[in-house]
C-alpha atoms as a PDB file:
ATOM      1  CA  MET A   1      -7.380  -2.030  -9.177  1.00  0.00           C
ATOM      2  CA  PRO A   2      -5.950  -1.473 -12.158  1.00  0.00           C
ATOM      3  CA  ASP A   3      -8.585  -2.044 -14.841  1.00  0.00           C
ATOM      4  CA  ALA A   4      -6.196  -4.395 -16.665  1.00  0.00           C
ATOM      5  CA  ARG A   5      -5.835  -7.090 -14.236  1.00  0.00           C
ATOM      6  CA  ARG A   6      -9.767  -7.135 -12.705  1.00  0.00           C
ATOM      7  CA  PRO A   7     -10.510  -9.847 -14.884  1.00  0.00           C
ATOM      8  CA  ASP A   8      -8.008 -12.334 -14.520  1.00  0.00           C
ATOM      9  CA  LEU A   9      -9.368 -11.593 -10.518  1.00  0.00           C
ATOM     10  CA  GLU A  10     -13.070 -12.063 -11.455  1.00  0.00           C
ATOM     11  CA  ALA A  11     -11.307 -15.552 -13.482  1.00  0.00           C
ATOM     12  CA  ARG A  12      -9.586 -16.701 -10.536  1.00  0.00           C
ATOM     13  CA  ILE A  13     -12.770 -16.098  -8.215  1.00  0.00           C
ATOM     14  CA  ARG A  14     -15.119 -17.681 -10.371  1.00  0.00           C
ATOM     15  CA  ALA A  15     -12.283 -21.015 -10.736  1.00  0.00           C
ATOM     16  CA  GLU A  16     -12.408 -20.831  -6.727  1.00  0.00           C
ATOM     17  CA  VAL A  17     -16.219 -20.934  -6.335  1.00  0.00           C
ATOM     18  CA  ASP A  18     -16.585 -23.198  -8.413  1.00  0.00           C
ATOM     19  CA  LEU A  19     -13.964 -25.546  -6.754  1.00  0.00           C
ATOM     20  CA  ALA A  20     -15.812 -25.416  -3.673  1.00  0.00           C
ATOM     21  CA  VAL A  21     -18.728 -26.026  -4.962  1.00  0.00           C
ATOM     22  CA  LYS A  22     -17.530 -28.985  -7.066  1.00  0.00           C
ATOM     23  CA  PRO A  23     -18.221 -31.586  -4.147  1.00  0.00           C
ATOM     24  CA  TYR A  24     -21.815 -30.619  -3.704  1.00  0.00           C
ATOM     25  CA  GLU A  25     -23.139 -30.664  -7.233  1.00  0.00           C
ATOM     26  CA  GLY A  26     -25.257 -33.444  -8.301  1.00  0.00           C
ATOM     27  CA  VAL A  27     -25.732 -34.572  -4.352  1.00  0.00           C
ATOM     28  CA  ALA A  28     -26.958 -31.696  -2.707  1.00  0.00           C
ATOM     29  CA  PRO A  29     -30.472 -30.066  -3.549  1.00  0.00           C
ATOM     30  CA  PRO A  30     -29.881 -27.213  -6.056  1.00  0.00           C
ATOM     31  CA  PHE A  31     -30.912 -24.401  -3.870  1.00  0.00           C
ATOM     32  CA  MET A  32     -28.208 -25.762  -1.422  1.00  0.00           C
ATOM     33  CA  VAL A  33     -25.730 -25.678  -4.216  1.00  0.00           C
ATOM     34  CA  ALA A  34     -27.369 -21.959  -5.171  1.00  0.00           C
ATOM     35  CA  LYS A  35     -27.040 -21.010  -1.701  1.00  0.00           C
ATOM     36  CA  LEU A  36     -22.840 -22.241  -1.186  1.00  0.00           C
ATOM     37  CA  ARG A  37     -22.318 -20.517  -4.579  1.00  0.00           C
ATOM     38  CA  GLU A  38     -23.118 -17.296  -3.235  1.00  0.00           C
ATOM     39  CA  LEU A  39     -21.341 -17.692  -0.083  1.00  0.00           C
ATOM     40  CA  ALA A  40     -18.075 -18.522  -2.030  1.00  0.00           C
ATOM     41  CA  GLU A  41     -18.425 -15.762  -3.807  1.00  0.00           C
ATOM     42  CA  ARG A  42     -19.220 -13.946  -1.333  1.00  0.00           C
ATOM     43  CA  TYR A  43     -16.099 -15.026   1.175  1.00  0.00           C
ATOM     44  CA  TRP A  44     -13.668 -14.571  -2.095  1.00  0.00           C
ATOM     45  CA  ARG A  45     -14.747 -10.806  -3.035  1.00  0.00           C
ATOM     46  CA  GLU A  46     -15.472  -9.738   0.776  1.00  0.00           C
ATOM     47  CA  ASN A  47     -12.703 -11.176   2.783  1.00  0.00           C
ATOM     48  CA  PRO A  48      -9.057  -9.008   2.717  1.00  0.00           C
ATOM     49  CA  VAL A  49      -6.921 -12.187   3.547  1.00  0.00           C
ATOM     50  CA  ALA A  50      -8.412 -14.323   0.896  1.00  0.00           C
ATOM     51  CA  ALA A  51      -8.646 -11.380  -1.768  1.00  0.00           C
ATOM     52  CA  ARG A  52      -5.179 -10.679  -1.095  1.00  0.00           C
ATOM     53  CA  ALA A  53      -4.694 -14.575  -1.139  1.00  0.00           C
ATOM     54  CA  LEU A  54      -5.791 -14.410  -4.921  1.00  0.00           C
ATOM     55  CA  GLN A  55      -3.794 -11.610  -5.682  1.00  0.00           C
ATOM     56  CA  LEU A  56      -0.773 -12.505  -4.362  1.00  0.00           C
ATOM     57  CA  LYS A  57      -1.124 -15.975  -6.335  1.00  0.00           C
ATOM     58  CA  GLY A  58      -1.765 -14.301  -9.487  1.00  0.00           C
ATOM     59  CA  TYR A  59       1.313 -12.578  -9.401  1.00  0.00           C
ATOM     60  CA  ALA A  60       3.624 -15.618  -8.099  1.00  0.00           C
ATOM     61  CA  GLU A  61       2.155 -17.473 -11.443  1.00  0.00           C
ATOM     62  CA  GLN A  62       3.163 -14.541 -13.409  1.00  0.00           C
ATOM     63  CA  THR A  63       6.739 -14.638 -11.967  1.00  0.00           C
ATOM     64  CA  ARG A  64       6.612 -18.221 -12.910  1.00  0.00           C
ATOM     65  CA  SER A  65       5.790 -18.169 -16.055  1.00  0.00           C
ATOM     66  CA  ASP A  66       7.955 -15.481 -16.845  1.00  0.00           C
ATOM     67  CA  THR A  67      10.869 -17.298 -15.085  1.00  0.00           C
ATOM     68  CA  GLU A  68      10.607 -20.140 -17.431  1.00  0.00           C
ATOM     69  CA  ALA A  69      10.009 -18.552 -20.535  1.00  0.00           C
ATOM     70  CA  LYS A  70      13.406 -16.492 -19.628  1.00  0.00           C
ATOM     71  CA  ALA A  71      14.958 -19.814 -19.068  1.00  0.00           C
ATOM     72  CA  SER A  72      14.046 -21.172 -22.197  1.00  0.00           C
ATOM     73  CA  GLU A  73      14.231 -18.283 -24.045  1.00  0.00           C
ATOM     74  CA  GLU A  74      18.281 -18.643 -22.733  1.00  0.00           C
ATOM     75  CA  ASP A  75      18.542 -22.529 -23.115  1.00  0.00           C
ATOM     76  CA  ALA A  76      17.559 -21.727 -26.775  1.00  0.00           C
ATOM     77  CA  ALA A  77      19.956 -19.136 -27.311  1.00  0.00           C
ATOM     78  CA  ASP A  78      22.777 -21.625 -25.599  1.00  0.00           C
ATOM     79  CA  GLY A  79      21.414 -24.576 -27.932  1.00  0.00           C
ATOM     80  CA  ALA A  80      22.504 -21.846 -31.019  1.00  0.00           C
ATOM     81  CA  LYS A  81      25.738 -20.934 -29.384  1.00  0.00           C
ATOM     82  CA  GLU A  82      26.921 -24.140 -29.376  1.00  0.00           C
ATOM     83  CA  ALA A  83      25.474 -25.361 -33.143  1.00  0.00           C
END
């Protein structure tokens, strides 16, 4: 995997782990929350299907944002032509 995309994947893993653990923080004992965090992180890092899902999710977000940016540029160009 290219190094440029690695931090993005790391951020996605942290976000997914935080999302998984959030309902238990303040409810379950701290040692249990720590273990849940450890297991969730292990799942996202070691399960090939889960890791691939995060990668594809990132690609979909990049494609969507790129498409939206191009659409707004086209709208701005159309507005300039009409004026």
